[in-house]
């Protein structure tokens, strides 16, 4: 499975390593992802999501139900 946040759609970015001599080589910036389990009381079930740290902060702020509803509206969560 690809390293993409299931709620926000965040994924790896491409950039450069820059040495002291300003030599540039390609590198990848991975998203800060973790696997978490959440209980959804409306559906009375547990789901496991691969989410970014910023998505976890949104869940703590807004609640899991609201964040999942927004993710489905944006087309990120298909479960």
PDB file of N, CA and C in Angstrom:
ATOM      1  N   UNK A   1       0.846  -1.182   0.000  1.00  0.00           N
ATOM      2  CA  UNK A   1       0.000   0.000   0.000  1.00  0.00           C
ATOM      3  C   UNK A   1       0.891   1.244   0.000  1.00  0.00           C
ATOM      4  N   UNK A   2       0.464   2.266  -0.723  1.00  0.00           N
ATOM      5  CA  UNK A   2       1.281   3.462  -0.826  1.00  0.00           C
ATOM      6  C   UNK A   2       1.235   4.264   0.477  1.00  0.00           C
ATOM      7  N   UNK A   3       2.231   5.093   0.640  1.00  0.00           N
ATOM      8  CA  UNK A   3       2.331   5.902   1.846  1.00  0.00           C
ATOM      9  C   UNK A   3       1.586   7.223   1.634  1.00  0.00           C
ATOM     10  N   UNK A   4       0.246   7.134   1.723  1.00  0.00           N
ATOM     11  CA  UNK A   4      -0.621   8.285   1.540  1.00  0.00           C
ATOM     12  C   UNK A   4      -1.597   8.329   2.705  1.00  0.00           C
ATOM     13  N   UNK A   5      -1.805   9.518   3.264  1.00  0.00           N
ATOM     14  CA  UNK A   5      -2.775   9.681   4.351  1.00  0.00           C
ATOM     15  C   UNK A   5      -4.175   9.442   3.804  1.00  0.00           C
ATOM     16  N   UNK A   6      -4.949   8.600   4.490  1.00  0.00           N
ATOM     17  CA  UNK A   6      -6.284   8.252   4.018  1.00  0.00           C
ATOM     18  C   UNK A   6      -7.311   9.349   4.283  1.00  0.00           C
ATOM     19  N   UNK A   7      -7.005  10.308   5.147  1.00  0.00           N
ATOM     20  CA  UNK A   7      -7.962  11.362   5.458  1.00  0.00           C
ATOM     21  C   UNK A   7      -7.642  12.682   4.773  1.00  0.00           C
ATOM     22  N   UNK A   8      -6.366  13.006   4.589  1.00  0.00           N
ATOM     23  CA  UNK A   8      -6.002  14.296   4.004  1.00  0.00           C
ATOM     24  C   UNK A   8      -5.402  14.175   2.616  1.00  0.00           C
ATOM     25  N   UNK A   9      -4.961  12.983   2.222  1.00  0.00           N
ATOM     26  CA  UNK A   9      -4.352  12.807   0.913  1.00  0.00           C
ATOM     27  C   UNK A   9      -2.893  13.205   0.838  1.00  0.00           C
ATOM     28  N   UNK A  10      -2.283  13.489   1.992  1.00  0.00           N
ATOM     29  CA  UNK A  10      -0.869  13.867   1.989  1.00  0.00           C
ATOM     30  C   UNK A  10      -0.018  12.694   1.543  1.00  0.00           C
ATOM     31  N   UNK A  11       1.028  12.990   0.729  1.00  0.00           N
ATOM     32  CA  UNK A  11       1.925  11.951   0.256  1.00  0.00           C
ATOM     33  C   UNK A  11       3.327  12.516   0.143  1.00  0.00           C
ATOM     34  N   UNK A  12       4.254  11.702  -0.334  1.00  0.00           N
ATOM     35  CA  UNK A  12       5.653  12.097  -0.396  1.00  0.00           C
ATOM     36  C   UNK A  12       5.856  13.237  -1.393  1.00  0.00           C
ATOM     37  N   UNK A  13       6.812  14.119  -1.065  1.00  0.00           N
ATOM     38  CA  UNK A  13       7.218  15.202  -1.952  1.00  0.00           C
ATOM     39  C   UNK A  13       8.650  14.953  -2.390  1.00  0.00           C
ATOM     40  N   UNK A  14       9.045  15.555  -3.504  1.00  0.00           N
ATOM     41  CA  UNK A  14      10.401  15.415  -4.020  1.00  0.00           C
ATOM     42  C   UNK A  14      11.121  16.741  -3.852  1.00  0.00           C
ATOM     43  N   UNK A  15      12.379  16.660  -3.425  1.00  0.00           N
ATOM     44  CA  UNK A  15      13.185  17.860  -3.252  1.00  0.00           C
ATOM     45  C   UNK A  15      14.649  17.544  -3.474  1.00  0.00           C
ATOM     46  N   UNK A  16      15.503  18.381  -2.923  1.00  0.00           N
ATOM     47  CA  UNK A  16      16.942  18.233  -3.102  1.00  0.00           C
ATOM     48  C   UNK A  16      17.653  18.134  -1.766  1.00  0.00           C
ATOM     49  N   UNK A  17      18.694  17.281  -1.710  1.00  0.00           N
ATOM     50  CA  UNK A  17      19.704  17.384  -0.667  1.00  0.00           C
ATOM     51  C   UNK A  17      20.676  18.451  -1.139  1.00  0.00           C
ATOM     52  N   UNK A  18      21.002  19.397  -0.285  1.00  0.00           N
ATOM     53  CA  UNK A  18      21.931  20.455  -0.670  1.00  0.00           C
ATOM     54  C   UNK A  18      23.139  20.370   0.244  1.00  0.00           C
ATOM     55  N   UNK A  19      24.306  20.105  -0.341  1.00  0.00           N
ATOM     56  CA  UNK A  19      25.529  19.986   0.442  1.00  0.00           C
ATOM     57  C   UNK A  19      26.093  21.372   0.751  1.00  0.00           C
ATOM     58  N   UNK A  20      27.144  21.387   1.550  1.00  0.00           N
ATOM     59  CA  UNK A  20      27.799  22.652   1.891  1.00  0.00           C
ATOM     60  C   UNK A  20      28.355  23.324   0.640  1.00  0.00           C
ATOM     61  N   UNK A  21      28.753  22.533  -0.343  1.00  0.00           N
ATOM     62  CA  UNK A  21      29.264  23.062  -1.607  1.00  0.00           C
ATOM     63  C   UNK A  21      28.135  23.351  -2.606  1.00  0.00           C
ATOM     64  N   UNK A  22      26.887  23.285  -2.139  1.00  0.00           N
ATOM     65  CA  UNK A  22      25.685  23.543  -2.924  1.00  0.00           C
ATOM     66  C   UNK A  22      25.481  22.538  -4.057  1.00  0.00           C
ATOM     67  N   UNK A  23      26.022  21.323  -3.903  1.00  0.00           N
ATOM     68  CA  UNK A  23      25.691  20.242  -4.830  1.00  0.00           C
ATOM     69  C   UNK A  23      24.292  19.755  -4.497  1.00  0.00           C
ATOM     70  N   UNK A  24      23.506  19.513  -5.525  1.00  0.00           N
ATOM     71  CA  UNK A  24      22.118  19.105  -5.304  1.00  0.00           C
ATOM     72  C   UNK A  24      21.880  17.702  -5.845  1.00  0.00           C
ATOM     73  N   UNK A  25      21.318  16.847  -4.992  1.00  0.00           N
ATOM     74  CA  UNK A  25      20.901  15.510  -5.404  1.00  0.00           C
ATOM     75  C   UNK A  25      19.460  15.314  -4.974  1.00  0.00           C
ATOM     76  N   UNK A  26      18.724  14.529  -5.740  1.00  0.00           N
ATOM     77  CA  UNK A  26      17.306  14.327  -5.465  1.00  0.00           C
ATOM     78  C   UNK A  26      17.106  13.523  -4.177  1.00  0.00           C
ATOM     79  N   UNK A  27      16.025  13.856  -3.456  1.00  0.00           N
ATOM     80  CA  UNK A  27      15.625  13.120  -2.262  1.00  0.00           C
ATOM     81  C   UNK A  27      14.113  13.157  -2.157  1.00  0.00           C
ATOM     82  N   UNK A  28      13.579  12.378  -1.232  1.00  0.00           N
ATOM     83  CA  UNK A  28      12.133  12.298  -1.052  1.00  0.00           C
ATOM     84  C   UNK A  28      11.785  12.682   0.386  1.00  0.00           C
ATOM     85  N   UNK A  29      10.780  13.518   0.536  1.00  0.00           N
ATOM     86  CA  UNK A  29      10.251  13.888   1.847  1.00  0.00           C
ATOM     87  C   UNK A  29       8.988  13.069   2.068  1.00  0.00           C
ATOM     88  N   UNK A  30       9.048  12.055   2.936  1.00  0.00           N
ATOM     89  CA  UNK A  30       7.880  11.220   3.209  1.00  0.00           C
ATOM     90  C   UNK A  30       6.920  11.921   4.161  1.00  0.00           C
ATOM     91  N   UNK A  31       5.649  11.600   4.032  1.00  0.00           N
ATOM     92  CA  UNK A  31       4.637  12.116   4.953  1.00  0.00           C
ATOM     93  C   UNK A  31       4.813  11.433   6.310  1.00  0.00           C
ATOM     94  N   UNK A  32       4.463  12.128   7.370  1.00  0.00           N
ATOM     95  CA  UNK A  32       4.577  11.606   8.732  1.00  0.00           C
ATOM     96  C   UNK A  32       3.321  10.778   9.034  1.00  0.00           C
ATOM     97  N   UNK A  33       3.353   9.486   8.649  1.00  0.00           N
ATOM     98  CA  UNK A  33       2.179   8.627   8.744  1.00  0.00           C
ATOM     99  C   UNK A  33       2.279   7.646   9.901  1.00  0.00           C
ATOM    100  N   UNK A  34       1.108   7.289  10.434  1.00  0.00           N
ATOM    101  CA  UNK A  34       1.015   6.267  11.477  1.00  0.00           C
ATOM    102  C   UNK A  34      -0.304   5.525  11.310  1.00  0.00           C
ATOM    103  N   UNK A  35      -0.352   4.319  11.796  1.00  0.00           N
ATOM    104  CA  UNK A  35      -1.571   3.510  11.736  1.00  0.00           C
ATOM    105  C   UNK A  35      -2.281   3.603  13.081  1.00  0.00           C
ATOM    106  N   UNK A  36      -3.549   4.011  13.050  1.00  0.00           N
ATOM    107  CA  UNK A  36      -4.334   4.183  14.277  1.00  0.00           C
ATOM    108  C   UNK A  36      -5.692   3.516  14.109  1.00  0.00           C
ATOM    109  N   UNK A  37      -6.239   3.041  15.231  1.00  0.00           N
ATOM    110  CA  UNK A  37      -7.581   2.479  15.281  1.00  0.00           C
ATOM    111  C   UNK A  37      -8.519   3.480  15.928  1.00  0.00           C
ATOM    112  N   UNK A  38      -9.701   3.650  15.346  1.00  0.00           N
ATOM    113  CA  UNK A  38     -10.687   4.582  15.872  1.00  0.00           C
ATOM    114  C   UNK A  38     -12.032   3.889  15.997  1.00  0.00           C
ATOM    115  N   UNK A  39     -12.774   4.257  17.032  1.00  0.00           N
ATOM    116  CA  UNK A  39     -14.131   3.755  17.223  1.00  0.00           C
ATOM    117  C   UNK A  39     -15.100   4.818  16.721  1.00  0.00           C
ATOM    118  N   UNK A  40     -16.019   4.399  15.867  1.00  0.00           N
ATOM    119  CA  UNK A  40     -17.029   5.309  15.339  1.00  0.00           C
ATOM    120  C   UNK A  40     -18.365   4.938  15.974  1.00  0.00           C
ATOM    121  N   UNK A  41     -18.869   5.756  16.893  1.00  0.00           N
ATOM    122  CA  UNK A  41     -20.102   5.398  17.611  1.00  0.00           C
ATOM    123  C   UNK A  41     -21.346   5.376  16.722  1.00  0.00           C
ATOM    124  N   UNK A  42     -21.391   6.223  15.658  1.00  0.00           N
ATOM    125  CA  UNK A  42     -22.562   6.244  14.788  1.00  0.00           C
ATOM    126  C   UNK A  42     -22.740   4.919  14.054  1.00  0.00           C
ATOM    127  N   UNK A  43     -21.619   4.308  13.638  1.00  0.00           N
ATOM    128  CA  UNK A  43     -21.670   3.045  12.906  1.00  0.00           C
ATOM    129  C   UNK A  43     -21.422   1.855  13.831  1.00  0.00           C
ATOM    130  N   UNK A  44     -21.086   2.111  15.087  1.00  0.00           N
ATOM    131  CA  UNK A  44     -20.825   1.096  16.106  1.00  0.00           C
ATOM    132  C   UNK A  44     -19.773   0.092  15.634  1.00  0.00           C
ATOM    133  N   UNK A  45     -18.636   0.616  15.153  1.00  0.00           N
ATOM    134  CA  UNK A  45     -17.550  -0.262  14.707  1.00  0.00           C
ATOM    135  C   UNK A  45     -16.203   0.439  14.840  1.00  0.00           C
ATOM    136  N   UNK A  46     -15.150  -0.367  14.798  1.00  0.00           N
ATOM    137  CA  UNK A  46     -13.776   0.114  14.827  1.00  0.00           C
ATOM    138  C   UNK A  46     -13.247   0.137  13.406  1.00  0.00           C
ATOM    139  N   UNK A  47     -12.456   1.167  13.055  1.00  0.00           N
ATOM    140  CA  UNK A  47     -11.780   1.189  11.767  1.00  0.00           C
ATOM    141  C   UNK A  47     -10.305   1.490  11.992  1.00  0.00           C
ATOM    142  N   UNK A  48      -9.462   0.982  11.114  1.00  0.00           N
ATOM    143  CA  UNK A  48      -8.031   1.230  11.161  1.00  0.00           C
ATOM    144  C   UNK A  48      -7.672   2.115   9.984  1.00  0.00           C
ATOM    145  N   UNK A  49      -7.002   3.223  10.260  1.00  0.00           N
ATOM    146  CA  UNK A  49      -6.636   4.185   9.227  1.00  0.00           C
ATOM    147  C   UNK A  49      -5.144   4.459   9.274  1.00  0.00           C
ATOM    148  N   UNK A  50      -4.560   4.711   8.111  1.00  0.00           N
ATOM    149  CA  UNK A  50      -3.182   5.192   8.022  1.00  0.00           C
ATOM    150  C   UNK A  50      -3.274   6.705   7.825  1.00  0.00           C
ATOM    151  N   UNK A  51      -2.928   7.460   8.877  1.00  0.00           N
ATOM    152  CA  UNK A  51      -3.151   8.904   8.851  1.00  0.00           C
ATOM    153  C   UNK A  51      -1.857   9.656   9.138  1.00  0.00           C
ATOM    154  N   UNK A  52      -1.836  10.925   8.750  1.00  0.00           N
ATOM    155  CA  UNK A  52      -0.700  11.796   9.027  1.00  0.00           C
ATOM    156  C   UNK A  52      -0.867  12.422  10.412  1.00  0.00           C
ATOM    157  N   UNK A  53       0.205  13.014  10.913  1.00  0.00           N
ATOM    158  CA  UNK A  53       0.166  13.653  12.229  1.00  0.00           C
ATOM    159  C   UNK A  53      -0.802  14.831  12.218  1.00  0.00           C
ATOM    160  N   UNK A  54      -0.878  15.556  11.111  1.00  0.00           N
ATOM    161  CA  UNK A  54      -1.805  16.690  11.050  1.00  0.00           C
ATOM    162  C   UNK A  54      -3.256  16.220  11.034  1.00  0.00           C
ATOM    163  N   UNK A  55      -3.526  15.058  10.424  1.00  0.00           N
ATOM    164  CA  UNK A  55      -4.886  14.503  10.447  1.00  0.00           C
ATOM    165  C   UNK A  55      -5.271  14.098  11.866  1.00  0.00           C
ATOM    166  N   UNK A  56      -4.309  13.570  12.623  1.00  0.00           N
ATOM    167  CA  UNK A  56      -4.580  13.197  14.017  1.00  0.00           C
ATOM    168  C   UNK A  56      -4.907  14.436  14.850  1.00  0.00           C
ATOM    169  N   UNK A  57      -4.226  15.550  14.575  1.00  0.00           N
ATOM    170  CA  UNK A  57      -4.535  16.792  15.277  1.00  0.00           C
ATOM    171  C   UNK A  57      -5.937  17.281  14.919  1.00  0.00           C
ATOM    172  N   UNK A  58      -6.338  17.117  13.653  1.00  0.00           N
ATOM    173  CA  UNK A  58      -7.694  17.489  13.246  1.00  0.00           C
ATOM    174  C   UNK A  58      -8.736  16.622  13.932  1.00  0.00           C
ATOM    175  N   UNK A  59      -8.446  15.331  14.087  1.00  0.00           N
ATOM    176  CA  UNK A  59      -9.377  14.417  14.767  1.00  0.00           C
ATOM    177  C   UNK A  59      -9.535  14.819  16.219  1.00  0.00           C
ATOM    178  N   UNK A  60      -8.430  15.183  16.870  1.00  0.00           N
ATOM    179  CA  UNK A  60      -8.505  15.617  18.266  1.00  0.00           C
ATOM    180  C   UNK A  60      -9.292  16.911  18.411  1.00  0.00           C
ATOM    181  N   UNK A  61      -9.235  17.760  17.394  1.00  0.00           N
ATOM    182  CA  UNK A  61      -9.907  19.051  17.458  1.00  0.00           C
ATOM    183  C   UNK A  61     -11.390  18.947  17.085  1.00  0.00           C
ATOM    184  N   UNK A  62     -11.699  18.274  15.955  1.00  0.00           N
ATOM    185  CA  UNK A  62     -13.062  18.250  15.425  1.00  0.00           C
ATOM    186  C   UNK A  62     -13.853  17.006  15.778  1.00  0.00           C
ATOM    187  N   UNK A  63     -13.156  15.886  15.997  1.00  0.00           N
ATOM    188  CA  UNK A  63     -13.830  14.618  16.232  1.00  0.00           C
ATOM    189  C   UNK A  63     -13.728  13.730  15.004  1.00  0.00           C
ATOM    190  N   UNK A  64     -13.707  12.421  15.230  1.00  0.00           N
ATOM    191  CA  UNK A  64     -13.491  11.459  14.154  1.00  0.00           C
ATOM    192  C   UNK A  64     -14.634  11.471  13.143  1.00  0.00           C
ATOM    193  N   UNK A  65     -15.863  11.614  13.601  1.00  0.00           N
ATOM    194  CA  UNK A  65     -17.012  11.566  12.686  1.00  0.00           C
ATOM    195  C   UNK A  65     -16.983  12.719  11.690  1.00  0.00           C
ATOM    196  N   UNK A  66     -16.667  13.911  12.166  1.00  0.00           N
ATOM    197  CA  UNK A  66     -16.614  15.086  11.300  1.00  0.00           C
ATOM    198  C   UNK A  66     -15.483  14.986  10.280  1.00  0.00           C
ATOM    199  N   UNK A  67     -14.327  14.500  10.717  1.00  0.00           N
ATOM    200  CA  UNK A  67     -13.170  14.395   9.828  1.00  0.00           C
ATOM    201  C   UNK A  67     -13.414  13.333   8.756  1.00  0.00           C
ATOM    202  N   UNK A  68     -14.022  12.206   9.121  1.00  0.00           N
ATOM    203  CA  UNK A  68     -14.324  11.159   8.143  1.00  0.00           C
ATOM    204  C   UNK A  68     -15.353  11.654   7.136  1.00  0.00           C
ATOM    205  N   UNK A  69     -16.335  12.412   7.600  1.00  0.00           N
ATOM    206  CA  UNK A  69     -17.339  12.960   6.688  1.00  0.00           C
ATOM    207  C   UNK A  69     -16.697  13.901   5.670  1.00  0.00           C
ATOM    208  N   UNK A  70     -15.775  14.756   6.117  1.00  0.00           N
ATOM    209  CA  UNK A  70     -15.066  15.669   5.213  1.00  0.00           C
ATOM    210  C   UNK A  70     -14.188  14.900   4.228  1.00  0.00           C
ATOM    211  N   UNK A  71     -13.507  13.843   4.701  1.00  0.00           N
ATOM    212  CA  UNK A  71     -12.637  13.052   3.835  1.00  0.00           C
ATOM    213  C   UNK A  71     -13.437  12.337   2.755  1.00  0.00           C
ATOM    214  N   UNK A  72     -14.601  11.814   3.105  1.00  0.00           N
ATOM    215  CA  UNK A  72     -15.456  11.159   2.093  1.00  0.00           C
ATOM    216  C   UNK A  72     -15.973  12.186   1.090  1.00  0.00           C
ATOM    217  N   UNK A  73     -16.283  13.408   1.542  1.00  0.00           N
ATOM    218  CA  UNK A  73     -16.755  14.447   0.625  1.00  0.00           C
ATOM    219  C   UNK A  73     -15.649  14.872  -0.340  1.00  0.00           C
ATOM    220  N   UNK A  74     -14.388  14.848   0.125  1.00  0.00           N
ATOM    221  CA  UNK A  74     -13.259  15.222  -0.729  1.00  0.00           C
ATOM    222  C   UNK A  74     -12.745  14.067  -1.562  1.00  0.00           C
ATOM    223  N   UNK A  75     -13.268  12.857  -1.351  1.00  0.00           N
ATOM    224  CA  UNK A  75     -12.888  11.711  -2.154  1.00  0.00           C
ATOM    225  C   UNK A  75     -11.661  10.969  -1.692  1.00  0.00           C
ATOM    226  N   UNK A  76     -11.193  11.206  -0.463  1.00  0.00           N
ATOM    227  CA  UNK A  76      -9.992  10.533   0.022  1.00  0.00           C
ATOM    228  C   UNK A  76     -10.301   9.181   0.659  1.00  0.00           C
ATOM    229  N   UNK A  77     -11.335   9.110   1.449  1.00  0.00           N
ATOM    230  CA  UNK A  77     -11.674   7.890   2.176  1.00  0.00           C
ATOM    231  C   UNK A  77     -12.761   7.139   1.434  1.00  0.00           C
ATOM    232  N   UNK A  78     -12.450   5.919   1.001  1.00  0.00           N
ATOM    233  CA  UNK A  78     -13.437   5.146   0.244  1.00  0.00           C
ATOM    234  C   UNK A  78     -13.980   3.968   1.026  1.00  0.00           C
ATOM    235  N   UNK A  79     -13.468   3.754   2.267  1.00  0.00           N
ATOM    236  CA  UNK A  79     -13.906   2.632   3.083  1.00  0.00           C
ATOM    237  C   UNK A  79     -15.324   2.829   3.573  1.00  0.00           C
TER     238      UNK A  79
END
